[in-house]
Every structure is written in C-alpha cells, then in structure tokens.
Protein backbone atom coordinates (compact mmCIF):
# COMPACT_ATOMS: atom_id res chain seq x y z
CA MET A 1 13.90 13.77 -46.85
CA CYS A 2 10.50 12.46 -46.50
CA VAL A 3 9.85 10.93 -42.61
CA PHE A 4 6.87 9.22 -41.01
CA MET A 5 5.91 9.30 -37.97
CA VAL A 6 3.36 8.58 -35.11
CA ILE A 7 2.59 10.97 -32.01
CA TYR A 8 1.56 9.63 -29.00
CA MET A 9 -0.91 11.89 -26.86
CA ASP A 10 -0.85 11.59 -23.60
CA ALA A 11 -2.28 14.84 -21.28
CA GLN A 12 -1.88 17.40 -23.91
CA VAL A 13 1.44 16.29 -23.99
CA LEU A 14 3.02 14.78 -27.71
CA TYR A 15 5.45 12.79 -27.92
CA PHE A 16 6.51 11.88 -31.13
CA SER A 17 7.86 8.42 -32.45
CA HIS A 18 9.42 8.30 -35.97
CA LEU A 19 9.08 6.06 -38.78
CA GLY A 20 10.86 5.54 -41.81
CA VAL A 21 12.69 3.80 -44.67
CA ASP A 22 15.39 2.37 -41.92
CA LYS A 23 12.49 0.85 -40.00
CA GLY A 24 11.32 -1.19 -43.42
CA LEU A 25 8.90 1.26 -44.94
CA SER A 26 8.95 0.79 -49.02
CA GLN A 27 8.54 4.11 -49.47
CA SER A 28 8.93 7.55 -47.86
CA SER A 29 6.37 9.57 -49.27
CA VAL A 30 3.30 8.38 -47.32
CA TYR A 31 -0.58 9.26 -48.84
CA SER A 32 -2.86 6.99 -47.30
CA ILE A 33 -3.16 5.60 -43.18
CA PHE A 34 -5.66 3.22 -42.30
CA GLN A 35 -6.46 1.02 -39.57
CA ASP A 36 -8.06 -2.41 -40.05
CA SER A 37 -10.23 -4.08 -37.71
CA ARG A 38 -7.48 -6.62 -36.19
CA GLY A 39 -5.34 -3.78 -35.26
CA PHE A 40 -2.46 -3.60 -38.10
CA MET A 41 -1.81 -0.52 -39.81
CA TRP A 42 -1.71 -0.19 -43.34
CA PHE A 43 0.26 2.89 -45.34
CA GLY A 44 0.10 3.56 -49.07
CA THR A 45 3.02 5.28 -50.29
CA GLY A 46 4.35 5.96 -53.64
CA ASP A 47 5.81 2.35 -54.15
CA GLY A 48 3.84 -0.15 -52.51
CA PHE A 49 0.95 -0.91 -49.95
CA ASN A 50 2.91 -1.62 -46.48
CA ARG A 51 1.45 -3.26 -43.30
CA TYR A 52 2.65 -2.76 -39.93
CA ASP A 53 1.80 -4.67 -36.59
CA GLY A 54 4.13 -2.21 -34.45
CA VAL A 55 7.07 -3.85 -34.70
CA GLN A 56 8.01 -4.60 -38.65
CA PHE A 57 6.57 -3.90 -42.07
CA THR A 58 5.19 -5.91 -45.08
CA THR A 59 4.75 -4.85 -48.16
CA TYR A 60 2.33 -5.29 -51.18
CA ARG A 61 3.29 -4.85 -54.99
CA PHE A 62 1.87 -5.82 -58.00
CA GLY A 63 4.48 -7.60 -60.06
CA ALA A 64 6.53 -6.20 -62.94
CA SER A 65 4.39 -7.36 -65.86
CA VAL A 66 2.34 -4.43 -64.20
CA GLN A 67 2.49 -0.29 -65.17
CA PRO A 68 3.86 0.83 -62.13
CA LEU A 69 1.93 3.67 -61.30
CA CYS A 70 -0.31 0.56 -59.76
CA ASN A 71 2.13 0.45 -57.20
CA HIS A 72 1.65 4.41 -56.44
CA PHE A 73 -1.02 4.46 -54.19
CA THR A 74 -3.58 7.03 -53.57
CA ALA A 75 -5.91 8.96 -50.55
CA GLY A 76 -8.43 6.70 -48.78
CA VAL A 77 -8.30 3.28 -47.37
CA VAL A 78 -11.93 1.15 -46.32
CA GLU A 79 -12.27 -2.14 -45.11
CA ASP A 80 -14.93 -4.29 -46.66
CA ALA A 81 -17.12 -6.61 -44.21
CA ASP A 82 -15.20 -9.59 -45.39
CA GLY A 83 -12.14 -8.09 -43.97
CA ASN A 84 -10.56 -7.17 -47.64
CA LEU A 85 -9.17 -3.51 -47.82
CA TRP A 86 -9.96 -1.38 -50.80
CA THR A 87 -7.47 1.67 -52.01
CA GLY A 88 -6.79 3.90 -55.09
CA SER A 89 -3.88 3.87 -57.01
CA ARG A 90 -2.53 6.22 -59.99
CA ASN A 91 -4.04 3.50 -62.42
CA GLY A 92 -7.01 2.05 -60.76
CA LEU A 93 -8.99 0.33 -57.88
CA ASN A 94 -7.40 -2.14 -56.01
CA ARG A 95 -8.20 -4.61 -53.36
CA TYR A 96 -6.23 -6.80 -50.46
CA ASN A 97 -7.75 -10.01 -50.55
CA LEU A 98 -7.89 -11.25 -46.69
CA LYS A 99 -7.98 -14.97 -47.93
CA LYS A 100 -5.35 -14.67 -49.97
CA ASP A 101 -2.94 -12.01 -48.28
CA LYS A 102 -2.11 -10.36 -52.27
CA LEU A 103 -3.02 -7.43 -53.79
CA GLU A 104 -5.82 -7.82 -56.91
CA ARG A 105 -6.58 -5.33 -59.32
CA VAL A 106 -10.09 -4.56 -60.00
CA TYR A 107 -10.45 -1.49 -62.13
CA PRO A 108 -9.18 -1.32 -64.78
CA THR A 109 -9.59 -4.90 -65.88
CA LYS A 110 -6.46 -4.38 -68.53
CA ASP A 111 -3.45 -2.60 -67.88
CA SER A 112 -3.14 1.32 -68.97
CA LEU A 113 -1.58 4.10 -68.77
CA GLU A 114 -4.60 6.55 -68.98
CA MET A 115 -4.16 8.68 -66.27
CA ASP A 116 -7.83 8.81 -66.08
CA ASN A 117 -7.36 5.79 -63.88
CA TRP A 118 -6.36 7.91 -60.74
CA ILE A 119 -8.58 6.69 -58.06
CA GLU A 120 -9.37 7.54 -54.58
CA VAL A 121 -11.26 5.34 -52.36
CA LEU A 122 -14.34 7.76 -50.39
CA GLY A 123 -15.69 5.09 -48.10
CA LYS A 124 -18.24 2.77 -47.45
CA ASP A 125 -21.66 3.24 -47.26
CA LYS A 126 -24.63 0.92 -44.80
CA GLU A 127 -25.28 -1.40 -47.77
CA GLY A 128 -21.77 -2.23 -48.32
CA TYR A 129 -21.03 -0.70 -51.33
CA ILE A 130 -17.89 0.92 -51.50
CA TRP A 131 -17.66 4.51 -52.96
CA TYR A 132 -14.68 5.71 -54.87
CA TRP A 133 -14.21 8.50 -57.76
CA ASP A 134 -11.32 9.81 -60.42
CA ARG A 135 -11.58 13.55 -59.32
CA ASN A 136 -12.32 14.19 -63.17
CA LYS A 137 -15.47 12.79 -64.81
CA ASN A 138 -16.92 10.15 -62.61
CA PHE A 139 -17.93 8.47 -58.88
CA TYR A 140 -18.49 4.74 -58.48
CA LYS A 141 -20.22 2.25 -55.91
CA TYR A 142 -19.05 -0.89 -56.16
CA LEU A 143 -20.55 -3.87 -54.44
CA PRO A 144 -18.28 -6.87 -53.75
CA SER A 145 -20.55 -9.65 -52.92
CA SER A 146 -22.14 -9.05 -56.72
CA LYS A 147 -19.30 -7.33 -58.56
CA ASP A 148 -22.10 -4.81 -59.24
CA CYS A 149 -20.53 -1.10 -60.28
CA LYS A 150 -22.05 1.80 -60.98
CA ILE A 151 -21.16 5.12 -61.99
CA ILE A 152 -22.67 8.70 -61.19
CA ALA A 153 -21.50 11.32 -63.74
CA LEU A 154 -20.09 14.52 -61.43
CA LYS A 155 -22.81 17.91 -61.96
CA GLY A 156 -20.90 21.04 -61.59
CA GLY A 157 -17.62 23.21 -62.02
CA ASP A 158 -16.09 22.27 -65.31
CA GLY A 159 -14.92 19.26 -64.81
CA ILE A 160 -11.25 20.24 -62.70
CA PHE A 161 -12.27 18.86 -59.66
CA ARG A 162 -10.21 18.78 -56.70
CA GLN A 163 -11.62 16.78 -53.46
CA ALA A 164 -14.23 15.01 -52.23
CA TYR A 165 -15.66 13.57 -48.79
CA LEU A 166 -18.18 10.99 -48.11
CA ASP A 167 -19.74 11.96 -44.64
CA LYS A 168 -22.00 9.30 -42.46
CA THR A 169 -24.67 10.84 -43.49
CA GLY A 170 -23.97 9.95 -46.92
CA LYS A 171 -23.32 12.97 -48.43
CA ILE A 172 -19.98 13.80 -50.98
CA TRP A 173 -18.85 16.97 -50.42
CA TYR A 174 -16.69 17.82 -53.51
CA ASN A 175 -15.03 21.09 -54.88
CA SER A 176 -14.33 22.10 -58.48
CA SER A 177 -12.28 24.89 -59.70
CA SER A 178 -16.09 27.34 -59.95
CA GLY A 179 -17.67 26.15 -56.81
CA PHE A 180 -18.32 23.93 -53.53
CA PHE A 181 -21.27 20.74 -54.27
CA SER A 182 -22.84 17.95 -52.55
CA TYR A 183 -24.18 14.67 -53.79
CA ASP A 184 -26.59 12.77 -51.73
CA ILE A 185 -26.00 8.82 -52.14
CA TRP A 186 -29.76 7.98 -51.20
CA SER A 187 -31.76 10.69 -53.03
CA GLN A 188 -29.27 11.31 -55.64
CA GLN A 189 -29.15 14.93 -55.61
CA THR A 190 -26.38 17.58 -56.78
CA ASP A 191 -26.60 20.78 -54.75
CA SER A 192 -24.06 24.10 -55.15
CA PHE A 193 -23.10 26.54 -52.35
CA LEU A 194 -20.28 28.69 -52.36
CA GLN A 195 -19.91 29.23 -55.89
CA ASP A 196 -16.90 30.84 -57.73
CA GLY A 197 -17.82 34.06 -57.56
CA ASP A 198 -18.17 33.86 -53.50
CA ASN A 199 -15.46 32.46 -52.58
CA LYS A 200 -12.18 32.10 -55.06
CA SER A 201 -10.16 29.95 -52.59
CA LEU A 202 -12.64 26.82 -53.24
CA ARG A 203 -10.32 25.97 -56.20
CA TYR A 204 -7.38 25.46 -54.25
CA MET A 205 -9.06 23.11 -51.21
CA THR A 206 -6.90 20.35 -50.60
CA GLY A 207 -8.27 18.89 -47.66
CA MET A 208 -11.98 18.23 -45.97
CA VAL A 209 -13.09 17.07 -42.53
CA LEU A 210 -16.48 17.01 -40.86
CA ASP A 211 -16.39 17.58 -37.18
CA ASP A 212 -18.87 16.27 -34.82
CA ASP A 213 -21.28 19.02 -35.09
CA GLY A 214 -22.06 18.89 -38.33
CA TYR A 215 -19.30 21.67 -39.71
CA LEU A 216 -17.70 21.00 -42.67
CA TRP A 217 -13.84 21.94 -42.89
CA MET A 218 -12.31 22.86 -46.01
CA GLY A 219 -8.39 23.51 -46.13
CA GLY A 220 -6.29 24.35 -48.96
CA LEU A 221 -3.63 26.96 -50.99
CA SER A 222 -4.94 30.60 -49.64
CA GLN A 223 -7.73 29.84 -47.01
CA LEU A 224 -9.50 27.56 -44.07
CA ILE A 225 -12.95 27.79 -44.60
CA CYS A 226 -16.08 26.33 -42.38
CA PHE A 227 -19.02 25.44 -43.69
CA ASN A 228 -22.18 24.91 -41.81
CA THR A 229 -23.96 21.72 -43.54
CA HIS A 230 -27.14 22.32 -40.98
CA THR A 231 -27.59 25.96 -42.31
CA LEU A 232 -25.88 25.49 -45.61
CA LYS A 233 -23.45 28.75 -45.05
CA GLU A 234 -20.31 29.87 -44.08
CA GLU A 235 -19.46 30.62 -40.84
CA ASN A 236 -16.67 33.03 -39.63
CA LEU A 237 -13.82 32.18 -38.41
CA PRO A 238 -11.56 33.38 -35.23
CA LEU A 239 -8.92 36.26 -36.63
CA GLN A 240 -5.71 34.14 -35.31
CA LEU A 241 -7.14 30.87 -37.10
CA ARG A 242 -7.83 32.94 -40.45
CA ALA A 243 -4.44 34.38 -40.65
CA GLU A 244 -3.16 30.64 -39.71
CA GLY A 245 -5.08 28.62 -42.13
CA LYS A 246 -3.16 28.89 -45.34
CA GLU A 247 -1.15 26.36 -47.16
CA ILE A 248 -2.84 23.32 -45.47
CA ASN A 249 -2.28 19.79 -47.01
CA THR A 250 -4.37 17.85 -44.51
CA LEU A 251 -7.20 18.04 -41.98
CA ASN A 252 -8.40 15.73 -39.21
CA TRP A 253 -10.87 15.86 -36.78
CA HIS A 254 -10.47 14.42 -33.12
CA ARG A 255 -11.40 15.23 -29.70
CA ASN A 256 -13.39 18.22 -30.61
CA THR A 257 -9.89 19.50 -32.09
CA LEU A 258 -8.99 20.00 -35.78
CA TRP A 259 -5.97 19.24 -36.94
CA ILE A 260 -4.32 21.14 -39.21
CA GLY A 261 -0.97 19.69 -41.39
CA THR A 262 0.71 22.38 -43.24
CA MET A 263 2.74 22.55 -46.21
CA ASN A 264 5.73 24.43 -44.28
CA LYS A 265 4.37 24.98 -40.88
CA GLY A 266 3.94 21.93 -39.72
CA MET A 267 1.17 20.70 -37.49
CA LEU A 268 -1.49 23.10 -35.67
CA ALA A 269 -4.29 21.97 -33.37
CA TYR A 270 -7.40 24.22 -33.26
CA GLU A 271 -9.23 23.41 -30.47
CA LYS A 272 -12.76 25.01 -31.27
CA ALA A 273 -14.34 25.13 -27.85
CA THR A 274 -11.26 27.33 -26.35
CA GLU A 275 -10.54 28.99 -30.19
CA GLN A 276 -7.05 28.44 -29.12
CA ILE A 277 -4.29 26.94 -31.77
CA LYS A 278 -1.32 25.24 -30.58
CA TYR A 279 1.71 24.54 -32.75
CA TYR A 280 4.02 21.29 -33.50
CA LYS A 281 7.23 21.92 -35.09
CA ASN A 282 10.21 20.44 -36.15
CA ASP A 283 12.98 20.87 -33.50
CA LYS A 284 15.93 19.70 -34.87
CA SER A 285 17.93 20.07 -31.12
CA ASN A 286 14.66 17.67 -29.73
CA PRO A 287 14.59 14.33 -31.16
CA LEU A 288 10.70 14.29 -30.32
CA SER A 289 9.78 16.83 -32.30
CA ILE A 290 7.99 16.86 -35.75
CA GLY A 291 10.49 15.11 -37.60
CA SER A 292 9.49 18.13 -40.46
CA ASN A 293 7.59 20.88 -41.37
CA ALA A 294 5.55 19.46 -43.93
CA VAL A 295 2.81 17.22 -43.39
CA VAL A 296 0.59 15.51 -46.34
CA ALA A 297 -1.52 12.89 -43.70
CA ALA A 298 -2.94 11.85 -40.50
CA TYR A 299 -4.75 9.25 -39.07
CA CYS A 300 -6.01 8.73 -35.46
CA ASP A 301 -6.41 4.92 -34.78
CA LEU A 302 -8.41 3.02 -32.26
CA SER A 303 -6.16 3.52 -29.43
CA GLU A 304 -6.64 7.31 -30.04
CA ASN A 305 -2.54 7.79 -31.25
CA LEU A 306 -2.74 10.73 -34.16
CA TRP A 307 -0.37 8.80 -37.00
CA ILE A 308 0.63 11.49 -39.54
CA ALA A 309 3.17 11.89 -42.30
CA THR A 310 5.49 14.19 -43.52
CA ASP A 311 7.39 14.90 -46.53
C-alpha cells in the first residue's frame, strides 16, 4: 500500500508521522510536494491536487468533461508573484488560481490524449517566467502576466530525455539516453558533458539536485554521480556511497546532507562533511519508522521538516 508521511527532525533523531488516504489524501501515489507562501502544503497525486492545512486535506480536480490524465499530476510545483501555483500533469500545464480557488488548464487549451502533453514544471526565473518541459522535445517559458509563451527545442541526445533540473543561476541540467547537457536560459547556450561513452548510467537518471557548494548530484537505477559545476568534471565518490548509491528514485539537499530516496532500501542520508551514511528503513515493530522502503519524492518545508512520499 502507498503511504504518505512527514519526517520531523530534532537533534538528529527522526520521527515519522504518517498521512494517507485514511486522513483525506485523495490518492496514495504522490509525485510532487510543495509549500506555498501561506504555509499550506500541496501534494500532486495520481488523482487530484491536494492542499493540507495541518489538519485536513482539500482536493482539487478537473471535472468529468476533461480527459482523466489531467488529474494525474507530475513532479514540480512553483508559485508565481500573485500566489497562483503552477504544476504539470500527464496531459498539460495547470494553474491553481488563488483568487478563484480552482484549477485551470493553461496548456493545451483543447483536450487531447497525446502523451506529448506530459508536462513537468522546472521552476521560475527572476523575470517571472515559469519554466517547464515535456521530457520529449521542448523546454517552455511562460509569463503569466502577458501569457507570453516561448518554445525552446531541446538539443543533444536522440530525443529520449529523462530528467531536468533548473538551478538558481539559470541553468537547466538535463540528461538523455546518450549524454548529459546544460542549457543556459540567459545566453541560450547548450553544452554537453559526460557523453554516453564516458558513463552509460546517465541514461537511467531519475533524480537531480544541486548542493550548496555547486555540486550536482544525479541518481538512478545503477549509479549515483557527483558532477562539479565549477570544473565541469565528475567527482570521485567514497567507496560506501558508490556501493549504496543505486536504485534511486529521488534526491534532496538539506543541512549539508544528501537525502537519497531509494526504490527498495528506504531513505539514506549522506552527510557530506563527515562522509557518513545513515539509514532509515521500515520497522514493522515501530509505528514511528518510515512506512515503506520505496521512497518516491521528498521536500523540505520552511520549518525544516522533511516530507517524503513512499510507495
């Protein structure tokens, strides 16, 4: 059974408080987690966009007249200057309109069954543009105030793209089945690194995160990679981390620690300064342990609680 939970961090001791469909979550498969400027937590699930106020859930869905995949939300949520939330689904780009308290479809404007409309939101730049991509052929930048939308064709690889990450400097890092690339949203320049001949595990990347020192961590089915964005070279990892850094679903950086959500080994916490790894796994005899060893998403809120979704 899929379970959603919260981690409270206190003096290096983790306490897990569980939330799920029994508490009002619309669906047990959670793909995105976000906290808005008002303090509400939001969860994009396989059937609805959920707001949590600390006590109860409110679920937002599109009506029966809209293709059901529009209610299957994907990774990535961002808030604009007006407090509206932008998130993708398996059939387009959606906006939660704060003033109207409702979901609205932004792209495509007409209903479609095409899987090319699978959208993931990457972030927001300093000019207010919302950046998103279709994991297939294009990046998009959309300005809410003017509804101006620009399309940027992806370069590199063979058209089969896996993951993308927009960092604070304005670079989008993304990988394909044949290599690893960056796109600078200001200079519009695309660069390539670590091509397929150098590291075949790049084709299986499932998560990316940039740490405070400028190291980009990429994880996937077969390997964890640390890429130095200053030297533009791959860094060597400690032996233990190389051995454990496999079958990764998601990555999160917090408190000088890399949080690694795995497919079946629970949550790993790698403390960069000490090079120590801590393990958090399900213990059926302990109700405060993690609910499942399959971790699919993670997010740190403003109160420094780490929220995770498990499968």
